[in-house]
């Protein structure tokens, strides 16, 4: 079982909205001319399990509307915090706080911790 942290959740968040996010992220076979390595079935498919988990975390986490919107704009639409702040009429620090709190809430949800 994976323990999720902020860095992993932030890396996985774009997968909530982009179905092609994982494309090219894993090496599906050995380098041509090299011997095949044995695959450990316990570790196979971890990326896809993480993607399924992050989608569940996004849905189940008790995020405030402001946090959900800030995360969507930052990670779903890839808009820099400065531009999100301008669109929302708040400071960049306010958006940064909303994103951090939202990511923290998703991490807690994925790890089964009370928020």
N, C-alpha and C. Protein backbone atom coordinates (compact mmCIF):
# COMPACT_ATOMS: atom_id res chain seq x y z
N UNK A 1 0.84 -1.18 0.00
CA UNK A 1 0.00 0.00 0.00
C UNK A 1 0.88 1.24 0.00
N UNK A 2 0.54 2.17 -0.82
CA UNK A 2 1.32 3.40 -0.94
C UNK A 2 0.87 4.42 0.10
N UNK A 3 1.84 5.08 0.70
CA UNK A 3 1.53 6.23 1.54
C UNK A 3 1.72 7.45 0.66
N UNK A 4 0.68 8.24 0.53
CA UNK A 4 0.74 9.40 -0.35
C UNK A 4 1.33 10.59 0.39
N UNK A 5 2.11 11.40 -0.34
CA UNK A 5 2.64 12.64 0.20
C UNK A 5 2.29 13.76 -0.78
N UNK A 6 2.58 14.99 -0.36
CA UNK A 6 2.22 16.17 -1.17
C UNK A 6 2.83 16.11 -2.57
N UNK A 7 4.10 15.73 -2.65
CA UNK A 7 4.79 15.72 -3.94
C UNK A 7 4.14 14.74 -4.91
N UNK A 8 3.80 13.55 -4.43
CA UNK A 8 3.18 12.55 -5.30
C UNK A 8 1.78 13.00 -5.73
N UNK A 9 1.01 13.55 -4.81
CA UNK A 9 -0.34 14.01 -5.15
C UNK A 9 -0.26 15.14 -6.17
N UNK A 10 0.65 16.09 -5.98
CA UNK A 10 0.78 17.19 -6.94
C UNK A 10 1.19 16.68 -8.32
N UNK A 11 2.02 15.65 -8.35
CA UNK A 11 2.44 15.09 -9.65
C UNK A 11 1.29 14.38 -10.34
N UNK A 12 0.42 13.74 -9.55
CA UNK A 12 -0.68 12.96 -10.12
C UNK A 12 -1.92 13.78 -10.44
N UNK A 13 -2.09 14.94 -9.84
CA UNK A 13 -3.34 15.71 -10.00
C UNK A 13 -3.75 15.96 -11.45
N UNK A 14 -2.85 16.28 -12.38
CA UNK A 14 -3.31 16.49 -13.76
C UNK A 14 -4.04 15.28 -14.36
N UNK A 15 -3.77 14.09 -13.84
CA UNK A 15 -4.42 12.87 -14.35
C UNK A 15 -5.92 12.86 -14.07
N UNK A 16 -6.38 13.67 -13.12
CA UNK A 16 -7.82 13.73 -12.83
C UNK A 16 -8.57 14.22 -14.06
N UNK A 17 -7.99 15.13 -14.82
CA UNK A 17 -8.67 15.74 -15.96
C UNK A 17 -8.12 15.31 -17.31
N UNK A 18 -6.93 14.74 -17.36
CA UNK A 18 -6.28 14.39 -18.62
C UNK A 18 -6.16 12.87 -18.74
N UNK A 19 -6.97 12.27 -19.59
CA UNK A 19 -6.95 10.81 -19.73
C UNK A 19 -5.66 10.30 -20.37
N UNK A 20 -4.90 11.16 -21.02
CA UNK A 20 -3.63 10.76 -21.64
C UNK A 20 -2.43 11.08 -20.76
N UNK A 21 -2.66 11.48 -19.53
CA UNK A 21 -1.58 11.92 -18.65
C UNK A 21 -0.48 10.88 -18.48
N UNK A 22 -0.83 9.63 -18.34
CA UNK A 22 0.16 8.58 -18.09
C UNK A 22 0.88 8.13 -19.35
N UNK A 23 0.42 8.57 -20.52
CA UNK A 23 1.03 8.13 -21.77
C UNK A 23 2.51 8.49 -21.77
N UNK A 24 3.35 7.48 -21.97
CA UNK A 24 4.78 7.71 -22.05
C UNK A 24 5.49 7.79 -20.71
N UNK A 25 4.77 7.64 -19.62
CA UNK A 25 5.41 7.76 -18.30
C UNK A 25 6.11 6.48 -17.87
N UNK A 26 5.75 5.35 -18.46
CA UNK A 26 6.39 4.10 -18.06
C UNK A 26 7.06 3.46 -19.26
N UNK A 27 8.13 2.76 -19.00
CA UNK A 27 8.82 2.02 -20.04
C UNK A 27 8.15 0.66 -20.15
N UNK A 28 7.54 0.38 -21.30
CA UNK A 28 6.76 -0.85 -21.43
C UNK A 28 7.60 -2.07 -21.79
N UNK A 29 8.85 -1.90 -22.08
CA UNK A 29 9.66 -3.06 -22.44
C UNK A 29 11.14 -2.76 -22.30
N UNK A 30 11.96 -3.79 -22.49
CA UNK A 30 13.40 -3.59 -22.38
C UNK A 30 13.95 -2.82 -23.57
N UNK A 31 15.11 -2.24 -23.39
CA UNK A 31 15.80 -1.57 -24.48
C UNK A 31 16.13 -2.62 -25.54
N UNK A 32 15.93 -2.31 -26.83
CA UNK A 32 16.25 -3.30 -27.87
C UNK A 32 17.67 -3.82 -27.71
N UNK A 33 17.82 -5.14 -27.83
CA UNK A 33 19.12 -5.76 -27.72
C UNK A 33 19.52 -6.13 -26.30
N UNK A 34 18.72 -5.72 -25.33
CA UNK A 34 19.02 -6.03 -23.93
C UNK A 34 18.16 -7.20 -23.47
N UNK A 35 18.66 -7.98 -22.53
CA UNK A 35 17.85 -9.11 -22.04
C UNK A 35 16.62 -8.61 -21.28
N UNK A 36 15.59 -9.43 -21.31
CA UNK A 36 14.37 -9.07 -20.60
C UNK A 36 14.57 -9.28 -19.10
N UNK A 37 14.08 -8.35 -18.34
CA UNK A 37 14.11 -8.49 -16.89
C UNK A 37 12.80 -9.10 -16.43
N UNK A 38 12.84 -9.78 -15.30
CA UNK A 38 11.61 -10.33 -14.77
C UNK A 38 10.83 -9.22 -14.10
N UNK A 39 9.54 -9.23 -14.31
CA UNK A 39 8.66 -8.21 -13.75
C UNK A 39 8.13 -8.71 -12.41
N UNK A 40 8.19 -7.86 -11.42
CA UNK A 40 7.62 -8.19 -10.12
C UNK A 40 6.14 -7.82 -10.15
N UNK A 41 5.24 -8.81 -10.14
CA UNK A 41 3.81 -8.51 -10.24
C UNK A 41 3.30 -7.64 -9.11
N UNK A 42 3.98 -7.63 -7.98
CA UNK A 42 3.53 -6.81 -6.86
C UNK A 42 3.70 -5.32 -7.16
N UNK A 43 4.60 -4.98 -8.09
CA UNK A 43 4.84 -3.58 -8.41
C UNK A 43 4.31 -3.19 -9.79
N UNK A 44 3.81 -4.13 -10.53
CA UNK A 44 3.28 -3.83 -11.86
C UNK A 44 1.98 -3.06 -11.72
N UNK A 45 1.79 -2.08 -12.55
CA UNK A 45 0.54 -1.33 -12.56
C UNK A 45 0.41 -0.29 -11.46
N UNK A 46 1.49 0.03 -10.76
CA UNK A 46 1.41 0.99 -9.67
C UNK A 46 0.95 2.36 -10.16
N UNK A 47 1.46 2.80 -11.30
CA UNK A 47 1.07 4.10 -11.83
C UNK A 47 -0.43 4.17 -12.05
N UNK A 48 -1.00 3.13 -12.63
CA UNK A 48 -2.43 3.16 -12.91
C UNK A 48 -3.25 3.08 -11.63
N UNK A 49 -2.73 2.40 -10.62
CA UNK A 49 -3.40 2.38 -9.31
C UNK A 49 -3.36 3.77 -8.69
N UNK A 50 -2.23 4.46 -8.83
CA UNK A 50 -2.11 5.83 -8.31
C UNK A 50 -3.10 6.75 -9.02
N UNK A 51 -3.23 6.60 -10.32
CA UNK A 51 -4.16 7.45 -11.07
C UNK A 51 -5.60 7.19 -10.62
N UNK A 52 -5.95 5.93 -10.43
CA UNK A 52 -7.29 5.61 -9.92
C UNK A 52 -7.49 6.22 -8.53
N UNK A 53 -6.47 6.13 -7.70
CA UNK A 53 -6.57 6.69 -6.35
C UNK A 53 -6.72 8.20 -6.36
N UNK A 54 -5.96 8.89 -7.21
CA UNK A 54 -6.03 10.36 -7.21
C UNK A 54 -7.41 10.82 -7.68
N UNK A 55 -8.00 10.10 -8.62
CA UNK A 55 -9.35 10.45 -9.06
C UNK A 55 -10.36 10.25 -7.93
N UNK A 56 -10.18 9.19 -7.17
CA UNK A 56 -11.04 8.96 -6.01
C UNK A 56 -10.80 10.02 -4.94
N UNK A 57 -9.54 10.34 -4.71
CA UNK A 57 -9.21 11.38 -3.73
C UNK A 57 -9.82 12.72 -4.08
N UNK A 58 -9.79 13.08 -5.34
CA UNK A 58 -10.37 14.33 -5.80
C UNK A 58 -11.88 14.35 -5.53
N UNK A 59 -12.52 13.23 -5.76
CA UNK A 59 -13.97 13.14 -5.59
C UNK A 59 -14.37 13.10 -4.11
N UNK A 60 -13.63 12.36 -3.31
CA UNK A 60 -14.02 12.10 -1.92
C UNK A 60 -13.50 13.11 -0.91
N UNK A 61 -12.43 13.82 -1.22
CA UNK A 61 -11.84 14.76 -0.25
C UNK A 61 -12.83 15.88 0.06
N UNK A 62 -12.97 16.23 1.33
CA UNK A 62 -13.90 17.30 1.72
C UNK A 62 -13.28 18.69 1.49
N UNK A 63 -13.09 19.03 0.23
CA UNK A 63 -12.48 20.31 -0.14
C UNK A 63 -13.51 21.43 -0.08
N UNK A 64 -13.04 22.61 0.29
CA UNK A 64 -13.88 23.81 0.16
C UNK A 64 -13.98 24.15 -1.32
N UNK A 65 -15.02 24.86 -1.69
CA UNK A 65 -15.19 25.24 -3.09
C UNK A 65 -14.00 26.06 -3.59
N UNK A 66 -13.48 26.95 -2.74
CA UNK A 66 -12.35 27.79 -3.16
C UNK A 66 -11.09 26.95 -3.39
N UNK A 67 -10.90 25.92 -2.58
CA UNK A 67 -9.75 25.03 -2.75
C UNK A 67 -9.90 24.19 -4.02
N UNK A 68 -11.10 23.67 -4.22
CA UNK A 68 -11.36 22.84 -5.40
C UNK A 68 -11.15 23.66 -6.68
N UNK A 69 -11.64 24.89 -6.68
CA UNK A 69 -11.50 25.75 -7.86
C UNK A 69 -10.03 26.10 -8.11
N UNK A 70 -9.30 26.42 -7.05
CA UNK A 70 -7.88 26.78 -7.20
C UNK A 70 -7.07 25.59 -7.71
N UNK A 71 -7.35 24.39 -7.20
CA UNK A 71 -6.63 23.20 -7.66
C UNK A 71 -6.97 22.90 -9.11
N UNK A 72 -8.25 23.01 -9.46
CA UNK A 72 -8.66 22.77 -10.86
C UNK A 72 -7.94 23.73 -11.80
N UNK A 73 -7.92 25.01 -11.46
CA UNK A 73 -7.29 25.99 -12.34
C UNK A 73 -5.78 25.78 -12.41
N UNK A 74 -5.17 25.43 -11.27
CA UNK A 74 -3.71 25.29 -11.23
C UNK A 74 -3.24 23.99 -11.89
N UNK A 75 -3.86 22.87 -11.54
CA UNK A 75 -3.38 21.57 -12.04
C UNK A 75 -4.20 21.03 -13.20
N UNK A 76 -5.47 21.36 -13.26
CA UNK A 76 -6.31 20.88 -14.35
C UNK A 76 -6.14 21.69 -15.62
N UNK A 77 -6.03 23.01 -15.44
CA UNK A 77 -5.90 23.91 -16.59
C UNK A 77 -4.48 24.45 -16.75
N UNK A 78 -3.59 24.14 -15.80
CA UNK A 78 -2.18 24.54 -15.84
C UNK A 78 -2.02 26.06 -15.92
N UNK A 79 -2.83 26.77 -15.16
CA UNK A 79 -2.75 28.23 -15.11
C UNK A 79 -1.84 28.61 -13.93
N UNK A 80 -0.85 29.46 -14.16
CA UNK A 80 0.03 29.89 -13.06
C UNK A 80 -0.76 30.57 -11.94
N UNK A 81 -0.26 30.44 -10.72
CA UNK A 81 -0.95 31.01 -9.56
C UNK A 81 -1.23 32.50 -9.72
N UNK A 82 -0.30 33.23 -10.32
CA UNK A 82 -0.48 34.67 -10.49
C UNK A 82 -1.73 34.98 -11.32
N UNK A 83 -1.93 34.20 -12.39
CA UNK A 83 -3.08 34.42 -13.25
C UNK A 83 -4.38 33.97 -12.58
N UNK A 84 -4.30 32.89 -11.83
CA UNK A 84 -5.48 32.43 -11.08
C UNK A 84 -5.88 33.52 -10.09
N UNK A 85 -4.90 34.11 -9.42
CA UNK A 85 -5.17 35.17 -8.45
C UNK A 85 -5.85 36.37 -9.12
N UNK A 86 -5.36 36.75 -10.29
CA UNK A 86 -5.98 37.87 -11.02
C UNK A 86 -7.42 37.56 -11.38
N UNK A 87 -7.68 36.35 -11.86
CA UNK A 87 -9.04 35.97 -12.25
C UNK A 87 -9.97 35.91 -11.05
N UNK A 88 -9.44 35.52 -9.90
CA UNK A 88 -10.25 35.39 -8.69
C UNK A 88 -10.32 36.69 -7.88
N UNK A 89 -9.49 37.66 -8.24
CA UNK A 89 -9.49 38.93 -7.52
C UNK A 89 -8.90 38.84 -6.12
N UNK A 90 -7.90 37.95 -5.96
CA UNK A 90 -7.23 37.79 -4.67
C UNK A 90 -5.72 37.81 -4.91
N UNK A 91 -4.96 37.71 -3.83
CA UNK A 91 -3.51 37.70 -3.97
C UNK A 91 -3.01 36.32 -4.38
N UNK A 92 -1.79 36.28 -4.89
CA UNK A 92 -1.17 35.01 -5.24
C UNK A 92 -1.00 34.15 -3.99
N UNK A 93 -0.72 34.80 -2.86
CA UNK A 93 -0.56 34.06 -1.61
C UNK A 93 -1.86 33.36 -1.22
N UNK A 94 -3.00 34.00 -1.48
CA UNK A 94 -4.29 33.38 -1.16
C UNK A 94 -4.50 32.13 -2.00
N UNK A 95 -4.16 32.21 -3.28
CA UNK A 95 -4.30 31.04 -4.16
C UNK A 95 -3.34 29.95 -3.73
N UNK A 96 -2.10 30.33 -3.41
CA UNK A 96 -1.12 29.36 -2.94
C UNK A 96 -1.62 28.64 -1.69
N UNK A 97 -2.20 29.38 -0.77
CA UNK A 97 -2.74 28.79 0.46
C UNK A 97 -3.88 27.83 0.15
N UNK A 98 -4.78 28.22 -0.74
CA UNK A 98 -5.91 27.36 -1.11
C UNK A 98 -5.42 26.06 -1.74
N UNK A 99 -4.44 26.17 -2.63
CA UNK A 99 -3.90 24.98 -3.28
C UNK A 99 -3.23 24.07 -2.25
N UNK A 100 -2.40 24.65 -1.39
CA UNK A 100 -1.71 23.85 -0.37
C UNK A 100 -2.69 23.15 0.56
N UNK A 101 -3.70 23.88 1.02
CA UNK A 101 -4.70 23.29 1.91
C UNK A 101 -5.48 22.19 1.20
N UNK A 102 -5.82 22.43 -0.05
CA UNK A 102 -6.56 21.43 -0.82
C UNK A 102 -5.74 20.17 -1.05
N UNK A 103 -4.48 20.33 -1.40
CA UNK A 103 -3.60 19.18 -1.60
C UNK A 103 -3.44 18.43 -0.29
N UNK A 104 -3.27 19.15 0.81
CA UNK A 104 -3.16 18.52 2.13
C UNK A 104 -4.41 17.69 2.44
N UNK A 105 -5.56 18.21 2.11
CA UNK A 105 -6.82 17.50 2.34
C UNK A 105 -6.90 16.23 1.49
N UNK A 106 -6.47 16.31 0.24
CA UNK A 106 -6.47 15.13 -0.63
C UNK A 106 -5.50 14.07 -0.10
N UNK A 107 -4.31 14.50 0.33
CA UNK A 107 -3.33 13.58 0.90
C UNK A 107 -3.93 12.86 2.11
N UNK A 108 -4.57 13.62 2.99
CA UNK A 108 -5.18 13.03 4.18
C UNK A 108 -6.26 12.02 3.80
N UNK A 109 -7.06 12.36 2.81
CA UNK A 109 -8.12 11.46 2.36
C UNK A 109 -7.53 10.17 1.80
N UNK A 110 -6.52 10.28 0.96
CA UNK A 110 -5.90 9.10 0.36
C UNK A 110 -5.21 8.21 1.39
N UNK A 111 -4.69 8.82 2.44
CA UNK A 111 -4.01 8.05 3.48
C UNK A 111 -4.97 7.58 4.58
N UNK A 112 -6.26 7.88 4.42
CA UNK A 112 -7.24 7.43 5.39
C UNK A 112 -7.19 8.17 6.71
N UNK A 113 -6.64 9.38 6.69
CA UNK A 113 -6.53 10.18 7.91
C UNK A 113 -7.73 11.09 8.04
N UNK A 114 -8.18 11.35 9.26
CA UNK A 114 -9.28 12.31 9.42
C UNK A 114 -8.78 13.71 9.09
N UNK A 115 -9.63 14.49 8.46
CA UNK A 115 -9.23 15.84 8.07
C UNK A 115 -9.61 16.84 9.13
